[in-house]
Structure formats: C-alpha cells, structure tokens
Amino acid sequence: MRDQLQPEESKRDSNGYLPGLAIDTVIFGFHQNQLKILLLEYHNTGLMALPGGFILANENLNDAARRVLWERTGLSDIYLEQFYVFGDLARFDPTPMRAIMTAKGFTPPDNHWLLDRFISVGYYALVDFTKAVPIPDSLSDSCGWYDLAKLPPLMQDHQQIVQKALDTLRTDLDRKLIGFNLLSETFTMADLQRLYETILDQKLHRSGFQRKMLSLGILERLDKQYSGGAHKAPFLYRFISNAK
C-alpha cells in the first residue's frame, strides 16, 4: 500500500530536501575483537545497502549525517567523519530503488525524485556494536550487523564505499583513536593492540607496537593491573585527554 511509505518518499519531488544530494554512512561496529558493518536489507528484493539519508533544506550537512546515524543506531555522542564524495556517472542506476519501492507496494513514476541521480557524501563511524540498537528505515525490512570479512553483495557502489571508508579508517587510526571511545577508561597495551589488529586485519609485533603507541604522546601509564604474581602484572593506560 502507498501509505507504507513515509510522506517524503511517496512525493514525486524532493520537497524539503536538497535535490540530487544524499548521505551514505559506513558504521563500523567493534566489540571483543570483532569488526562488523551495519547494513539494511530489503527482504522482497534480495538487495542490501548501507544506511543512508538526505539533507533537509534548512539542515547543516554534518547535522544531517548525525541524524541519520541516530535514526539507525540510537547513538548520538560518537565520532563521525566525512571521508569522501561519490559522484561518478557509473553509480547512477534507478533500477534497485524502483524495485525496493515496488516491493513496498508503491509503483513510482519515472520522474520520482528517488529515481534521480544522486551525489553521495560518505561518512564513517566506529562504535561498540553492543551499545547500538539497529533500526531499519521506512523502505528497508531489517537492519543488522554483518561481519566485515563476510559481507554479502551490496547494491550500486556500496561495496566501493565500504572499502574507501575502511582504507580511511585504517589511515586515520592513530590520530582518531581517542575520539572513537571504544576502550574502557583504563586498558592494557594488549587491549589496545587487539583493537589495532582487528581493524587493520593483521598481527602486530608487541614491542614495536608498544614503542609506536608510546611515541604518539596520547597515553598516560598508570599502576599495574595485579592478577597474580607482581612480575606478571601489565601496566594500565588511559588516554591523556581522559586523565583527571
């Protein structure tokens, strides 16, 4: 039925939104050495996609991205980074969106605004996936976490968007680490190394990793974490920005 769609999506034009401009978010979820990505699924079409949205005419771009993130995860106070703009002609294909809308009981006219070409601004976030509450949008049937190493095929150029976001995340990891807020207030060097190894998808040499992290000037060393013999207790650390 037509009323299954939100009013914005059943309108023929983009009234209220900036025309031809969209947001795609790559939401990485980390917990206990697992790295996942949040995806939307359209059950009656077999299509899967990244969470996305549009920018209201009276809305700042970054505010729109934060709104999209909150609508899909229920999270607000997290790090969000704009990483690339996707605008190649090759990414334009109205067929998937037409199939999605038709599966929802609405047959769009050829001039429907959701079938137009869109330039998409990419954002990535890295969150603890146990703290998120995945919520589908009005066109999708489900929203959930998928293992980064076993992602299903994604519609349009969303696989390329994921790869670009992952490359950017890995490049940015040292200087963005504090903002991600993925570790406890205090943590061991081993905890930090496991986070790096999960995101980078490679094993790291322990002593070399420790030297590198200490050289960044972002860690404060605290008392040892005693769990038996004193000689086995690792030092605890915290980020300098979190120090009292």
C-alpha atoms as a PDB file:
ATOM      1  CA  MET A   1       0.000   0.000   0.000  1.00  0.00           C
ATOM      2  CA  ARG A   2       1.090   3.545  -0.681  1.00  0.00           C
ATOM      3  CA  ASP A   3       0.754   4.517   2.984  1.00  0.00           C
ATOM      4  CA  GLN A   4       3.512   2.054   3.867  1.00  0.00           C
ATOM      5  CA  LEU A   5       5.948   4.762   2.752  1.00  0.00           C
ATOM      6  CA  GLN A   6       6.793   7.907   4.636  1.00  0.00           C
ATOM      7  CA  PRO A   7       5.328  11.067   3.036  1.00  0.00           C
ATOM      8  CA  GLU A   8       8.772  12.219   1.896  1.00  0.00           C
ATOM      9  CA  GLU A   9       9.308   9.064  -0.139  1.00  0.00           C
ATOM     10  CA  SER A  10       5.874   8.979  -1.746  1.00  0.00           C
ATOM     11  CA  LYS A  11       6.187  12.538  -3.090  1.00  0.00           C
ATOM     12  CA  ARG A  12       7.187  12.973  -6.704  1.00  0.00           C
ATOM     13  CA  ASP A  13       9.681  15.741  -5.928  1.00  0.00           C
ATOM     14  CA  SER A  14      12.259  16.288  -3.195  1.00  0.00           C
ATOM     15  CA  ASN A  15      10.202  18.947  -1.427  1.00  0.00           C
ATOM     16  CA  GLY A  16      12.045  19.755   1.819  1.00  0.00           C
ATOM     17  CA  TYR A  17      15.306  18.045   0.837  1.00  0.00           C
ATOM     18  CA  LEU A  18      18.299  19.230  -1.155  1.00  0.00           C
ATOM     19  CA  PRO A  19      17.835  17.699  -4.634  1.00  0.00           C
ATOM     20  CA  GLY A  20      20.411  15.277  -6.009  1.00  0.00           C
ATOM     21  CA  LEU A  21      22.398  15.052  -2.760  1.00  0.00           C
ATOM     22  CA  ALA A  22      22.475  12.101  -0.352  1.00  0.00           C
ATOM     23  CA  ILE A  23      24.425  10.717   2.594  1.00  0.00           C
ATOM     24  CA  ASP A  24      25.798   7.185   2.890  1.00  0.00           C
ATOM     25  CA  THR A  25      27.149   6.047   6.253  1.00  0.00           C
ATOM     26  CA  VAL A  26      29.604   3.235   6.881  1.00  0.00           C
ATOM     27  CA  ILE A  27      29.020   2.348  10.529  1.00  0.00           C
ATOM     28  CA  PHE A  28      31.765   0.046  11.764  1.00  0.00           C
ATOM     29  CA  GLY A  29      30.940  -1.903  14.917  1.00  0.00           C
ATOM     30  CA  PHE A  30      33.729  -3.178  17.178  1.00  0.00           C
ATOM     31  CA  HIS A  31      33.471  -5.456  20.233  1.00  0.00           C
ATOM     32  CA  GLN A  32      35.716  -8.198  21.645  1.00  0.00           C
ATOM     33  CA  ASN A  33      37.985  -8.352  18.606  1.00  0.00           C
ATOM     34  CA  GLN A  34      35.122  -8.422  16.104  1.00  0.00           C
ATOM     35  CA  LEU A  35      34.632  -5.820  13.375  1.00  0.00           C
ATOM     36  CA  LYS A  36      31.213  -5.568  11.768  1.00  0.00           C
ATOM     37  CA  ILE A  37      29.271  -3.205   9.475  1.00  0.00           C
ATOM     38  CA  LEU A  38      25.661  -2.118   9.811  1.00  0.00           C
ATOM     39  CA  LEU A  39      23.565  -2.926   6.732  1.00  0.00           C
ATOM     40  CA  LEU A  40      19.964  -2.523   5.623  1.00  0.00           C
ATOM     41  CA  GLU A  41      18.155  -5.437   3.986  1.00  0.00           C
ATOM     42  CA  TYR A  42      15.195  -5.316   1.599  1.00  0.00           C
ATOM     43  CA  HIS A  43      13.680  -8.765   2.013  1.00  0.00           C
ATOM     44  CA  ASN A  44      11.458  -8.872  -1.070  1.00  0.00           C
ATOM     45  CA  THR A  45      14.224  -7.799  -3.433  1.00  0.00           C
ATOM     46  CA  GLY A  46      17.359  -9.557  -2.176  1.00  0.00           C
ATOM     47  CA  LEU A  47      19.078  -6.155  -2.055  1.00  0.00           C
ATOM     48  CA  MET A  48      21.300  -4.900   0.758  1.00  0.00           C
ATOM     49  CA  ALA A  49      22.715  -1.430   1.296  1.00  0.00           C
ATOM     50  CA  LEU A  50      24.478   0.943   3.633  1.00  0.00           C
ATOM     51  CA  PRO A  51      22.310   3.153   5.840  1.00  0.00           C
ATOM     52  CA  GLY A  52      21.738   6.487   4.156  1.00  0.00           C
ATOM     53  CA  GLY A  53      19.553   9.525   4.038  1.00  0.00           C
ATOM     54  CA  PHE A  54      19.003  13.015   2.697  1.00  0.00           C
ATOM     55  CA  ILE A  55      19.739  16.573   3.782  1.00  0.00           C
ATOM     56  CA  LEU A  56      16.904  18.881   4.727  1.00  0.00           C
ATOM     57  CA  ALA A  57      16.955  22.296   3.044  1.00  0.00           C
ATOM     58  CA  ASN A  58      17.405  24.019   6.419  1.00  0.00           C
ATOM     59  CA  GLU A  59      19.881  21.483   7.860  1.00  0.00           C
ATOM     60  CA  ASN A  60      23.662  21.511   8.134  1.00  0.00           C
ATOM     61  CA  LEU A  61      25.335  18.645   6.300  1.00  0.00           C
ATOM     62  CA  ASN A  62      27.088  17.250   9.381  1.00  0.00           C
ATOM     63  CA  ASP A  63      23.878  17.554  11.401  1.00  0.00           C
ATOM     64  CA  ALA A  64      22.087  15.512   8.746  1.00  0.00           C
ATOM     65  CA  ALA A  65      24.752  12.801   8.997  1.00  0.00           C
ATOM     66  CA  ARG A  66      24.411  12.702  12.788  1.00  0.00           C
ATOM     67  CA  ARG A  67      20.634  12.478  12.432  1.00  0.00           C
ATOM     68  CA  VAL A  68      20.926   9.541  10.020  1.00  0.00           C
ATOM     69  CA  LEU A  69      23.312   7.800  12.402  1.00  0.00           C
ATOM     70  CA  TRP A  70      20.993   8.327  15.367  1.00  0.00           C
ATOM     71  CA  GLU A  71      17.951   7.124  13.417  1.00  0.00           C
ATOM     72  CA  ARG A  72      19.704   3.857  12.516  1.00  0.00           C
ATOM     73  CA  THR A  73      21.544   3.138  15.799  1.00  0.00           C
ATOM     74  CA  GLY A  74      20.012   5.201  18.594  1.00  0.00           C
ATOM     75  CA  LEU A  75      23.513   6.583  19.296  1.00  0.00           C
ATOM     76  CA  SER A  76      24.366  10.268  19.323  1.00  0.00           C
ATOM     77  CA  ASP A  77      27.601  11.022  21.189  1.00  0.00           C
ATOM     78  CA  ILE A  78      30.007   9.197  18.888  1.00  0.00           C
ATOM     79  CA  TYR A  79      32.772  10.072  16.445  1.00  0.00           C
ATOM     80  CA  LEU A  80      31.625  10.678  12.866  1.00  0.00           C
ATOM     81  CA  GLU A  81      33.954  11.535   9.988  1.00  0.00           C
ATOM     82  CA  GLN A  82      33.250  12.708   6.432  1.00  0.00           C
ATOM     83  CA  PHE A  83      35.663  10.782   4.205  1.00  0.00           C
ATOM     84  CA  TYR A  84      34.748  11.066   0.502  1.00  0.00           C
ATOM     85  CA  VAL A  85      32.182  12.264  -2.053  1.00  0.00           C
ATOM     86  CA  PHE A  86      30.891   9.705  -4.548  1.00  0.00           C
ATOM     87  CA  GLY A  87      29.643  11.222  -7.786  1.00  0.00           C
ATOM     88  CA  ASP A  88      30.669   9.099 -10.763  1.00  0.00           C
ATOM     89  CA  LEU A  89      28.074   8.725 -13.526  1.00  0.00           C
ATOM     90  CA  ALA A  90      28.552   4.966 -13.329  1.00  0.00           C
ATOM     91  CA  ARG A  91      26.954   4.833  -9.868  1.00  0.00           C
ATOM     92  CA  PHE A  92      23.605   6.057 -11.218  1.00  0.00           C
ATOM     93  CA  ASP A  93      21.137   3.222 -11.679  1.00  0.00           C
ATOM     94  CA  PRO A  94      17.460   3.721 -10.728  1.00  0.00           C
ATOM     95  CA  THR A  95      16.644   0.013 -11.045  1.00  0.00           C
ATOM     96  CA  PRO A  96      17.388  -1.032  -7.425  1.00  0.00           C
ATOM     97  CA  MET A  97      15.410   1.844  -5.903  1.00  0.00           C
ATOM     98  CA  ARG A  98      12.493   1.185  -8.236  1.00  0.00           C
ATOM     99  CA  ALA A  99      12.497  -2.481  -7.150  1.00  0.00           C
ATOM    100  CA  ILE A 100      12.609  -1.505  -3.468  1.00  0.00           C
ATOM    101  CA  MET A 101       9.697   0.911  -3.777  1.00  0.00           C
ATOM    102  CA  THR A 102       7.661  -1.542  -5.841  1.00  0.00           C
ATOM    103  CA  ALA A 103       8.228  -4.257  -3.219  1.00  0.00           C
ATOM    104  CA  LYS A 104       6.742  -1.859  -0.655  1.00  0.00           C
ATOM    105  CA  GLY A 105       3.565  -1.575  -2.712  1.00  0.00           C
ATOM    106  CA  PHE A 106       4.279   1.758  -4.400  1.00  0.00           C
ATOM    107  CA  THR A 107       4.976   1.946  -8.135  1.00  0.00           C
ATOM    108  CA  PRO A 108       6.913   5.172  -8.670  1.00  0.00           C
ATOM    109  CA  PRO A 109       6.560   7.296 -11.806  1.00  0.00           C
ATOM    110  CA  ASP A 110       9.659   7.712 -13.937  1.00  0.00           C
ATOM    111  CA  ASN A 111      10.148  11.271 -12.658  1.00  0.00           C
ATOM    112  CA  HIS A 112      10.060  10.329  -8.958  1.00  0.00           C
ATOM    113  CA  TRP A 113      12.857  12.110  -7.090  1.00  0.00           C
ATOM    114  CA  LEU A 114      14.251   8.912  -5.555  1.00  0.00           C
ATOM    115  CA  LEU A 115      14.980   7.638  -9.080  1.00  0.00           C
ATOM    116  CA  ASP A 116      17.137  10.658  -9.921  1.00  0.00           C
ATOM    117  CA  ARG A 117      20.910  10.687  -9.980  1.00  0.00           C
ATOM    118  CA  PHE A 118      22.442  11.407  -6.560  1.00  0.00           C
ATOM    119  CA  ILE A 119      25.862  12.561  -5.455  1.00  0.00           C
ATOM    120  CA  SER A 120      26.554  10.961  -2.083  1.00  0.00           C
ATOM    121  CA  VAL A 121      28.666  12.284   0.787  1.00  0.00           C
ATOM    122  CA  GLY A 122      30.289   9.415   2.652  1.00  0.00           C
ATOM    123  CA  TYR A 123      30.672   9.338   6.436  1.00  0.00           C
ATOM    124  CA  TYR A 124      32.144   6.648   8.639  1.00  0.00           C
ATOM    125  CA  ALA A 125      31.723   5.954  12.351  1.00  0.00           C
ATOM    126  CA  LEU A 126      33.229   3.356  14.666  1.00  0.00           C
ATOM    127  CA  VAL A 127      31.055   2.264  17.575  1.00  0.00           C
ATOM    128  CA  ASP A 128      30.694  -0.506  20.130  1.00  0.00           C
ATOM    129  CA  PHE A 129      28.034  -2.582  18.383  1.00  0.00           C
ATOM    130  CA  THR A 130      26.660  -3.886  21.689  1.00  0.00           C
ATOM    131  CA  LYS A 131      25.535  -0.339  22.541  1.00  0.00           C
ATOM    132  CA  ALA A 132      23.661   0.255  19.273  1.00  0.00           C
ATOM    133  CA  VAL A 133      20.007  -0.533  18.579  1.00  0.00           C
ATOM    134  CA  PRO A 134      19.757  -1.196  14.802  1.00  0.00           C
ATOM    135  CA  ILE A 135      16.583   0.335  13.363  1.00  0.00           C
ATOM    136  CA  PRO A 136      15.512  -0.072   9.700  1.00  0.00           C
ATOM    137  CA  ASP A 137      14.366   2.952   7.716  1.00  0.00           C
ATOM    138  CA  SER A 138      10.925   3.246   6.138  1.00  0.00           C
ATOM    139  CA  LEU A 139      11.933   1.407   2.948  1.00  0.00           C
ATOM    140  CA  SER A 140      14.037  -1.416   4.413  1.00  0.00           C
ATOM    141  CA  ASP A 141      12.801  -4.525   6.213  1.00  0.00           C
ATOM    142  CA  SER A 142      15.655  -5.092   8.640  1.00  0.00           C
ATOM    143  CA  CYS A 143      18.867  -3.522   9.884  1.00  0.00           C
ATOM    144  CA  GLY A 144      21.704  -5.546  11.385  1.00  0.00           C
ATOM    145  CA  TRP A 145      25.411  -6.163  11.864  1.00  0.00           C
ATOM    146  CA  TYR A 146      27.443  -8.208   9.378  1.00  0.00           C
ATOM    147  CA  ASP A 147      30.989  -9.489   9.721  1.00  0.00           C
ATOM    148  CA  LEU A 148      33.332  -7.282   7.705  1.00  0.00           C
ATOM    149  CA  ALA A 149      35.145 -10.329   6.344  1.00  0.00           C
ATOM    150  CA  LYS A 150      31.897 -11.927   5.127  1.00  0.00           C
ATOM    151  CA  LEU A 151      29.853  -9.086   3.699  1.00  0.00           C
ATOM    152  CA  PRO A 152      27.026 -10.005   1.317  1.00  0.00           C
ATOM    153  CA  PRO A 153      26.829  -8.324  -2.121  1.00  0.00           C
ATOM    154  CA  LEU A 154      25.725  -4.698  -1.804  1.00  0.00           C
ATOM    155  CA  MET A 155      23.669  -2.595  -4.197  1.00  0.00           C
ATOM    156  CA  GLN A 156      25.127   0.011  -6.562  1.00  0.00           C
ATOM    157  CA  ASP A 157      28.621   1.153  -5.488  1.00  0.00           C
ATOM    158  CA  HIS A 158      28.193   0.496  -1.772  1.00  0.00           C
ATOM    159  CA  GLN A 159      30.960  -2.123  -1.716  1.00  0.00           C
ATOM    160  CA  GLN A 160      33.368   0.521  -3.019  1.00  0.00           C
ATOM    161  CA  ILE A 161      32.116   2.963  -0.386  1.00  0.00           C
ATOM    162  CA  VAL A 162      32.829   0.393   2.348  1.00  0.00           C
ATOM    163  CA  GLN A 163      36.357  -0.196   1.050  1.00  0.00           C
ATOM    164  CA  LYS A 164      37.101   3.528   0.840  1.00  0.00           C
ATOM    165  CA  ALA A 165      35.810   4.024   4.390  1.00  0.00           C
ATOM    166  CA  LEU A 166      37.900   1.119   5.671  1.00  0.00           C
ATOM    167  CA  ASP A 167      41.039   2.440   3.978  1.00  0.00           C
ATOM    168  CA  THR A 168      40.399   5.868   5.528  1.00  0.00           C
ATOM    169  CA  LEU A 169      39.718   4.408   8.967  1.00  0.00           C
ATOM    170  CA  ARG A 170      42.979   2.480   8.901  1.00  0.00           C
ATOM    171  CA  THR A 171      44.920   5.556   7.781  1.00  0.00           C
ATOM    172  CA  ASP A 172      43.287   7.739  10.440  1.00  0.00           C
ATOM    173  CA  LEU A 173      43.500   5.249  13.292  1.00  0.00           C
ATOM    174  CA  ASP A 174      46.429   6.801  15.204  1.00  0.00           C
ATOM    175  CA  ARG A 175      45.104  10.348  15.258  1.00  0.00           C
ATOM    176  CA  LYS A 176      41.398   9.499  15.663  1.00  0.00           C
ATOM    177  CA  LEU A 177      41.806   6.754  18.278  1.00  0.00           C
ATOM    178  CA  ILE A 178      40.783   8.841  21.304  1.00  0.00           C
ATOM    179  CA  GLY A 179      37.586  10.042  19.665  1.00  0.00           C
ATOM    180  CA  PHE A 180      36.355   6.517  18.942  1.00  0.00           C
ATOM    181  CA  ASN A 181      35.897   5.851  22.691  1.00  0.00           C
ATOM    182  CA  LEU A 182      35.960   2.063  22.186  1.00  0.00           C
ATOM    183  CA  LEU A 183      38.080   1.041  25.167  1.00  0.00           C
ATOM    184  CA  SER A 184      37.401   1.222  28.892  1.00  0.00           C
ATOM    185  CA  GLU A 185      38.666   4.306  30.696  1.00  0.00           C
ATOM    186  CA  THR A 186      41.762   2.281  31.623  1.00  0.00           C
ATOM    187  CA  PHE A 187      43.169  -0.514  29.473  1.00  0.00           C
ATOM    188  CA  THR A 188      46.287  -2.572  28.923  1.00  0.00           C
ATOM    189  CA  MET A 189      48.635  -2.293  25.987  1.00  0.00           C
ATOM    190  CA  ALA A 190      47.405  -5.735  24.936  1.00  0.00           C
ATOM    191  CA  ASP A 191      43.821  -4.425  24.822  1.00  0.00           C
ATOM    192  CA  LEU A 192      44.929  -1.583  22.584  1.00  0.00           C
ATOM    193  CA  GLN A 193      46.945  -3.895  20.342  1.00  0.00           C
ATOM    194  CA  ARG A 194      43.955  -6.210  19.865  1.00  0.00           C
ATOM    195  CA  LEU A 195      41.866  -3.231  18.765  1.00  0.00           C
ATOM    196  CA  TYR A 196      44.502  -2.277  16.187  1.00  0.00           C
ATOM    197  CA  GLU A 197      44.912  -5.834  14.937  1.00  0.00           C
ATOM    198  CA  THR A 198      41.161  -6.239  14.470  1.00  0.00           C
ATOM    199  CA  ILE A 199      40.796  -3.024  12.466  1.00  0.00           C
ATOM    200  CA  LEU A 200      43.986  -3.483  10.454  1.00  0.00           C
ATOM    201  CA  ASP A 201      43.345  -7.222   9.992  1.00  0.00           C
ATOM    202  CA  GLN A 202      46.953  -8.131  10.706  1.00  0.00           C
ATOM    203  CA  LYS A 203      49.135  -9.294  13.571  1.00  0.00           C
ATOM    204  CA  LEU A 204      51.487  -6.688  15.053  1.00  0.00           C
ATOM    205  CA  HIS A 205      54.823  -7.155  16.791  1.00  0.00           C
ATOM    206  CA  ARG A 206      54.262  -6.497  20.505  1.00  0.00           C
ATOM    207  CA  SER A 207      57.372  -4.470  21.325  1.00  0.00           C
ATOM    208  CA  GLY A 208      57.240  -2.461  18.108  1.00  0.00           C
ATOM    209  CA  PHE A 209      53.579  -1.661  18.671  1.00  0.00           C
ATOM    210  CA  GLN A 210      54.244  -0.516  22.237  1.00  0.00           C
ATOM    211  CA  ARG A 211      57.087   1.772  21.156  1.00  0.00           C
ATOM    212  CA  LYS A 212      54.911   3.298  18.463  1.00  0.00           C
ATOM    213  CA  MET A 213      51.943   3.949  20.775  1.00  0.00           C
ATOM    214  CA  LEU A 214      54.096   5.497  23.489  1.00  0.00           C
ATOM    215  CA  SER A 215      55.729   7.767  20.907  1.00  0.00           C
ATOM    216  CA  LEU A 216      52.335   9.236  19.927  1.00  0.00           C
ATOM    217  CA  GLY A 217      52.052  11.080  23.242  1.00  0.00           C
ATOM    218  CA  ILE A 218      48.405  10.167  23.756  1.00  0.00           C
ATOM    219  CA  LEU A 219      48.771   7.614  26.593  1.00  0.00           C
ATOM    220  CA  GLU A 220      49.310   8.012  30.335  1.00  0.00           C
ATOM    221  CA  ARG A 221      50.748   4.989  32.151  1.00  0.00           C
ATOM    222  CA  LEU A 222      49.093   4.087  35.458  1.00  0.00           C
ATOM    223  CA  ASP A 223      49.646   1.451  38.146  1.00  0.00           C
ATOM    224  CA  LYS A 224      49.965  -2.190  37.213  1.00  0.00           C
ATOM    225  CA  GLN A 225      46.921  -4.444  36.990  1.00  0.00           C
ATOM    226  CA  TYR A 226      47.587  -7.161  39.555  1.00  0.00           C
ATOM    227  CA  SER A 227      46.141 -10.572  38.746  1.00  0.00           C
ATOM    228  CA  GLY A 228      48.666 -12.879  40.415  1.00  0.00           C
ATOM    229  CA  GLY A 229      52.376 -12.501  40.736  1.00  0.00           C
ATOM    230  CA  ALA A 230      53.545  -8.898  40.570  1.00  0.00           C
ATOM    231  CA  HIS A 231      56.025  -9.726  37.833  1.00  0.00           C
ATOM    232  CA  LYS A 232      53.118 -10.758  35.561  1.00  0.00           C
ATOM    233  CA  ALA A 233      51.000  -7.665  36.099  1.00  0.00           C
ATOM    234  CA  PRO A 234      50.665  -5.439  32.998  1.00  0.00           C
ATOM    235  CA  PHE A 235      50.625  -1.663  33.243  1.00  0.00           C
ATOM    236  CA  LEU A 236      47.322   0.119  32.799  1.00  0.00           C
ATOM    237  CA  TYR A 237      46.974   3.093  30.466  1.00  0.00           C
ATOM    238  CA  ARG A 238      44.445   5.777  29.713  1.00  0.00           C
ATOM    239  CA  PHE A 239      44.245   8.424  27.048  1.00  0.00           C
ATOM    240  CA  ILE A 240      45.736  11.715  28.173  1.00  0.00           C
ATOM    241  CA  SER A 241      42.535  13.565  27.208  1.00  0.00           C
ATOM    242  CA  ASN A 242      40.701  11.407  29.789  1.00  0.00           C
ATOM    243  CA  ALA A 243      43.180  11.974  32.576  1.00  0.00           C
ATOM    244  CA  LYS A 244      41.821  13.716  35.695  1.00  0.00           C
END
